[in-house]
Amino acid sequence: MTTTRRAFGTLAAGAALAALAPAGTAGASPGSPGRRHGRLIACDDFRHGLGQWVTELQNGGTVTASRGVLEIDVPSGATVWFRRPLAGPYELEYTATPVSEGGVNDRVSDLNNFWNATDVRSPDDLFATRRSGALEEYDHLRTYYVGYGANYNTTTRLRRYVGEAGVRPLVYDYTEPLLVANQPHRVRVVSDGSLVRWWNNGRLVFDHRDPEPYTSGHFAFRTTWSHFRISDFKVWSLPRRA
C-alpha cells in the first residue's frame, strides 16, 4: 500500500510541477512580476539571539542565532517556533542550508516545517502545553507539516494534522525533490485562504486546496538528527483575493 501511494504521489508531483511551475516563472523573487507582496509583517536577520523563537529539543543539541544565521545542530528531534502567531493571507520565506562537514549531526535530512499550528489542548496559547521535541508529541496539533528530504533524505511529504494522537493524514508523498548537501534551499510558504503552497528554490513542491483550511497559527522549523544553517526569515501579508 505504501509503495502504491508513493508511486502515485510521484506521478502526481510530476504532473503538478509541470503544470504549475514552468521554468523561468516559479522562481520569481520578491518584487518581480507575479509576486504581489503587501507589507512586511515579521522578520529576523538572526543577529540578535533567539528572542523571537522558542526551542523544543528532544535530546539537547544547540540552537543559536548570531551573525545572520540561525544554526540548528541536534542529535534528535528539534522544533524551533516563531513566537508570534501569523494570520493569513501571508507569504513566508527563508533560506536553509543542510550542513555536511563531517560533524556528528551532519546527516542531511529533514528540512521540515509546521505552519498555522494550534494545539487542541491549549488552543489559545500554543506554549501553554509543554512538548519535549519528540515527533509524536505534536500529534495534538492542528497544522500543516512538510517533511522535505525526510527519512534519510528519501521522502518529501505534506501532512495535515488534525489534533488526534496517532493520526497524521498524508496529503502528498513524493520520492523527490530532495535535499542537496551544503546548498542553499530558498523556501517559500503561501497561506492564502484555502490555498496552501510550499516552494523550494523556485520549484512548486506542494499545491493544495484545503476545503477546511487552517488560516492562522504558529510557524516552526522542525528537524531531527541534522545540522542546518538558516537565514533571511521574512513574512509578508498578501492582498486578499477578490
Protein backbone atom coordinates (compact mmCIF):
# COMPACT_ATOMS: atom_id res chain seq x y z
CA MET A 1 0.00 0.00 0.00
CA THR A 2 2.83 2.40 0.88
CA THR A 3 4.65 1.64 -2.37
CA THR A 4 1.48 2.26 -4.39
CA ARG A 5 0.77 5.55 -2.61
CA ARG A 6 4.33 6.73 -3.11
CA ALA A 7 4.33 5.83 -6.80
CA PHE A 8 1.04 7.65 -7.29
CA GLY A 9 2.37 10.62 -5.35
CA THR A 10 5.46 10.79 -7.53
CA LEU A 11 3.37 10.77 -10.71
CA ALA A 12 1.08 13.42 -9.27
CA ALA A 13 4.07 15.51 -8.28
CA GLY A 14 5.45 15.43 -11.80
CA ALA A 15 2.15 16.47 -13.30
CA ALA A 16 1.60 19.24 -10.78
CA LEU A 17 5.09 20.61 -11.14
CA ALA A 18 4.96 20.56 -14.92
CA ALA A 19 1.65 22.36 -14.94
CA LEU A 20 2.23 24.85 -12.17
CA ALA A 21 5.93 25.64 -12.06
CA PRO A 22 7.23 26.28 -15.58
CA ALA A 23 10.87 27.24 -15.82
CA GLY A 24 11.52 30.92 -15.58
CA THR A 25 8.35 31.83 -13.68
CA ALA A 26 8.21 29.81 -10.47
CA GLY A 27 11.42 31.27 -9.10
CA ALA A 28 10.49 34.93 -9.32
CA SER A 29 12.00 36.96 -6.49
CA PRO A 30 10.12 39.39 -4.22
CA GLY A 31 9.02 42.38 -6.23
CA SER A 32 9.19 40.56 -9.56
CA PRO A 33 6.16 40.37 -11.87
CA GLY A 34 3.64 37.91 -10.48
CA ARG A 35 4.76 38.44 -6.87
CA ARG A 36 2.43 40.92 -5.14
CA HIS A 37 3.55 41.35 -1.56
CA GLY A 38 1.78 43.53 0.94
CA ARG A 39 3.64 44.91 3.92
CA LEU A 40 6.41 43.10 5.76
CA ILE A 41 4.78 41.76 8.94
CA ALA A 42 7.63 39.77 10.51
CA CYS A 43 11.34 39.15 10.02
CA ASP A 44 14.54 38.09 11.73
CA ASP A 45 18.06 38.68 10.49
CA PHE A 46 19.42 36.32 13.18
CA ARG A 47 21.87 38.84 14.59
CA HIS A 48 20.27 39.36 17.99
CA GLY A 49 19.78 35.97 19.56
CA LEU A 50 16.70 33.79 19.98
CA GLY A 51 14.31 36.35 21.46
CA GLN A 52 11.73 35.73 18.73
CA TRP A 53 11.91 31.94 18.98
CA VAL A 54 11.01 29.07 21.30
CA THR A 55 13.03 25.84 21.12
CA GLU A 56 11.88 22.32 21.96
CA LEU A 57 14.76 19.80 21.95
CA GLN A 58 14.28 16.08 22.43
CA ASN A 59 17.85 15.23 23.47
CA GLY A 60 19.73 18.50 23.59
CA GLY A 61 21.95 19.84 20.86
CA THR A 62 22.46 23.51 20.06
CA VAL A 63 20.28 26.23 18.56
CA THR A 64 21.88 29.65 18.18
CA ALA A 65 21.16 32.87 16.33
CA SER A 66 24.06 35.20 15.57
CA ARG A 67 25.93 36.83 12.67
CA GLY A 68 22.94 36.40 10.39
CA VAL A 69 22.47 32.66 10.89
CA LEU A 70 20.07 30.51 12.88
CA GLU A 71 22.12 27.35 13.42
CA ILE A 72 20.39 24.12 14.42
CA ASP A 73 22.77 21.27 15.28
CA VAL A 74 20.90 18.47 17.02
CA PRO A 75 21.18 14.70 17.66
CA SER A 76 17.42 14.04 17.54
CA GLY A 77 14.09 15.88 17.35
CA ALA A 78 14.07 19.67 17.43
CA THR A 79 11.36 22.25 16.84
CA VAL A 80 12.07 25.99 16.74
CA TRP A 81 8.86 28.03 16.93
CA PHE A 82 8.35 31.62 15.88
CA ARG A 83 6.80 33.18 18.99
CA ARG A 84 4.27 35.34 17.20
CA PRO A 85 1.23 33.71 15.63
CA LEU A 86 0.65 34.53 11.97
CA ALA A 87 -2.70 35.10 10.32
CA GLY A 88 -3.26 34.75 6.59
CA PRO A 89 -3.17 35.57 3.89
CA TYR A 90 0.61 35.70 4.10
CA GLU A 91 3.79 34.54 2.39
CA LEU A 92 6.81 33.37 4.35
CA GLU A 93 10.35 32.89 3.09
CA TYR A 94 13.70 31.73 4.42
CA THR A 95 16.92 30.11 3.23
CA ALA A 96 18.17 26.85 4.75
CA THR A 97 21.44 25.06 4.06
CA PRO A 98 21.87 21.41 5.16
CA VAL A 99 25.38 21.12 6.52
CA SER A 100 27.62 18.18 5.63
CA GLU A 101 31.07 18.90 7.01
CA GLY A 102 31.82 15.72 8.94
CA GLY A 103 30.05 16.73 12.16
CA VAL A 104 28.30 14.13 14.29
CA ASN A 105 24.87 15.52 13.33
CA ASP A 106 25.63 16.30 9.68
CA ARG A 107 23.15 13.73 8.33
CA VAL A 108 21.48 15.83 5.56
CA SER A 109 17.86 15.04 6.29
CA ASP A 110 14.60 16.64 7.40
CA LEU A 111 14.13 20.23 6.33
CA ASN A 112 10.67 20.34 7.89
CA ASN A 113 8.06 22.97 8.76
CA PHE A 114 4.92 23.33 10.80
CA TRP A 115 2.70 26.31 9.98
CA ASN A 116 -0.69 27.64 11.03
CA ALA A 117 -0.28 25.42 14.06
CA THR A 118 -2.52 25.38 17.13
CA ASP A 119 -2.63 22.80 19.93
CA VAL A 120 -6.07 21.37 20.68
CA ARG A 121 -5.07 21.08 24.35
CA SER A 122 -4.43 24.83 24.65
CA PRO A 123 -5.90 26.42 21.51
CA ASP A 124 -5.40 29.99 22.70
CA ASP A 125 -1.74 29.56 23.67
CA LEU A 126 0.50 27.10 21.83
CA PHE A 127 3.16 27.39 24.52
CA ALA A 128 0.89 26.64 27.45
CA THR A 129 1.38 22.94 26.65
CA ARG A 130 4.90 21.62 27.15
CA ARG A 131 6.46 19.40 24.48
CA SER A 132 9.82 17.63 24.56
CA GLY A 133 10.66 17.75 20.85
CA ALA A 134 9.71 14.11 20.14
CA LEU A 135 7.64 13.97 16.95
CA GLU A 136 4.70 12.06 18.43
CA GLU A 137 4.09 14.89 20.91
CA TYR A 138 2.94 17.08 18.02
CA ASP A 139 0.02 14.84 17.13
CA HIS A 140 -2.25 17.14 19.15
CA LEU A 141 -1.58 19.99 16.76
CA ARG A 142 -3.91 21.16 14.06
CA THR A 143 -1.37 22.22 11.47
CA TYR A 144 0.22 21.75 8.08
CA TYR A 145 3.50 19.88 8.06
CA VAL A 146 6.11 19.45 5.36
CA GLY A 147 8.88 16.90 5.69
CA TYR A 148 11.32 17.76 2.89
CA GLY A 149 14.10 15.22 2.41
CA ALA A 150 12.96 13.24 5.45
CA ASN A 151 13.75 9.61 6.33
CA TYR A 152 17.44 9.89 5.50
CA ASN A 153 16.67 12.18 2.55
CA THR A 154 14.39 9.71 0.76
CA THR A 155 10.89 11.22 1.08
CA THR A 156 9.19 14.60 0.73
CA ARG A 157 5.69 14.81 2.19
CA LEU A 158 2.85 17.13 3.05
CA ARG A 159 0.61 16.27 6.00
CA ARG A 160 -2.43 17.94 7.52
CA TYR A 161 -2.50 17.19 11.25
CA VAL A 162 -5.98 17.09 12.78
CA GLY A 163 -5.20 17.15 16.52
CA GLU A 164 -5.59 13.43 17.22
CA ALA A 165 -2.93 11.17 18.72
CA GLY A 166 -1.52 8.77 16.15
CA VAL A 167 -3.32 10.46 13.25
CA ARG A 168 -1.18 12.37 10.73
CA PRO A 169 -3.15 12.46 7.49
CA LEU A 170 -0.93 12.34 4.42
CA VAL A 171 -1.77 14.71 1.57
CA TYR A 172 1.21 14.07 -0.75
CA ASP A 173 4.05 11.55 -0.60
CA TYR A 174 6.92 12.05 -3.07
CA THR A 175 10.34 10.49 -3.57
CA GLU A 176 11.73 13.74 -4.99
CA PRO A 177 12.73 16.56 -4.84
CA LEU A 178 15.22 16.01 -2.03
CA LEU A 179 17.91 17.92 -0.15
CA VAL A 180 21.30 18.78 -1.65
CA ALA A 181 24.10 18.93 0.90
CA ASN A 182 25.77 22.30 1.51
CA GLN A 183 23.50 24.06 -0.97
CA PRO A 184 21.03 26.83 -0.06
CA HIS A 185 17.35 25.96 -0.26
CA ARG A 186 15.12 29.03 -0.58
CA VAL A 187 11.77 28.05 0.86
CA ARG A 188 8.55 29.95 0.24
CA VAL A 189 5.33 29.13 2.08
CA VAL A 190 1.99 30.58 0.96
CA SER A 191 -1.08 30.59 3.21
CA ASP A 192 -3.92 32.22 1.29
CA GLY A 193 -7.33 31.05 2.44
CA SER A 194 -7.88 27.56 1.06
CA LEU A 195 -4.66 27.77 -0.98
CA VAL A 196 -1.63 26.09 0.60
CA ARG A 197 1.67 26.17 -1.27
CA TRP A 198 5.27 25.27 -0.43
CA TRP A 199 8.13 26.08 -2.79
CA ASN A 200 11.85 25.30 -2.79
CA ASN A 201 14.34 27.15 -4.99
CA GLY A 202 11.59 28.36 -7.29
CA ARG A 203 10.02 24.93 -7.69
CA LEU A 204 6.43 24.45 -6.59
CA VAL A 205 6.62 21.29 -4.49
CA PHE A 206 3.13 21.27 -2.93
CA ASP A 207 -0.01 22.91 -4.26
CA HIS A 208 -3.05 22.05 -2.14
CA ARG A 209 -6.55 23.48 -1.82
CA ASP A 210 -7.98 22.70 1.58
CA PRO A 211 -11.80 22.84 1.88
CA GLU A 212 -11.42 23.41 5.64
CA PRO A 213 -8.18 25.40 5.80
CA TYR A 214 -6.05 26.34 8.76
CA THR A 215 -5.56 30.07 8.22
CA SER A 216 -3.67 31.18 11.34
CA GLY A 217 -1.33 29.88 13.99
CA HIS A 218 2.38 29.40 14.59
CA PHE A 219 5.26 28.60 12.25
CA ALA A 220 8.21 26.38 13.15
CA PHE A 221 11.39 24.92 11.78
CA ARG A 222 11.40 21.21 12.55
CA THR A 223 14.17 18.66 12.07
CA THR A 224 15.71 15.57 13.61
CA TRP A 225 19.33 14.44 13.86
CA SER A 226 20.65 17.05 11.48
CA HIS A 227 22.54 20.30 11.10
CA PHE A 228 21.08 23.36 9.33
CA ARG A 229 22.04 26.99 8.85
CA ILE A 230 19.02 29.21 8.27
CA SER A 231 18.96 32.86 7.22
CA ASP A 232 16.81 35.69 5.86
CA PHE A 233 13.47 34.91 7.52
CA LYS A 234 10.67 37.19 6.31
CA VAL A 235 6.87 37.19 6.30
CA TRP A 236 4.70 39.45 4.13
CA SER A 237 0.97 39.99 4.11
CA LEU A 238 -0.74 39.13 0.83
CA PRO A 239 -3.54 41.08 -0.85
CA ARG A 240 -6.82 39.31 -0.31
CA ARG A 241 -8.13 37.60 -3.40
CA ALA A 242 -11.29 39.01 -4.93
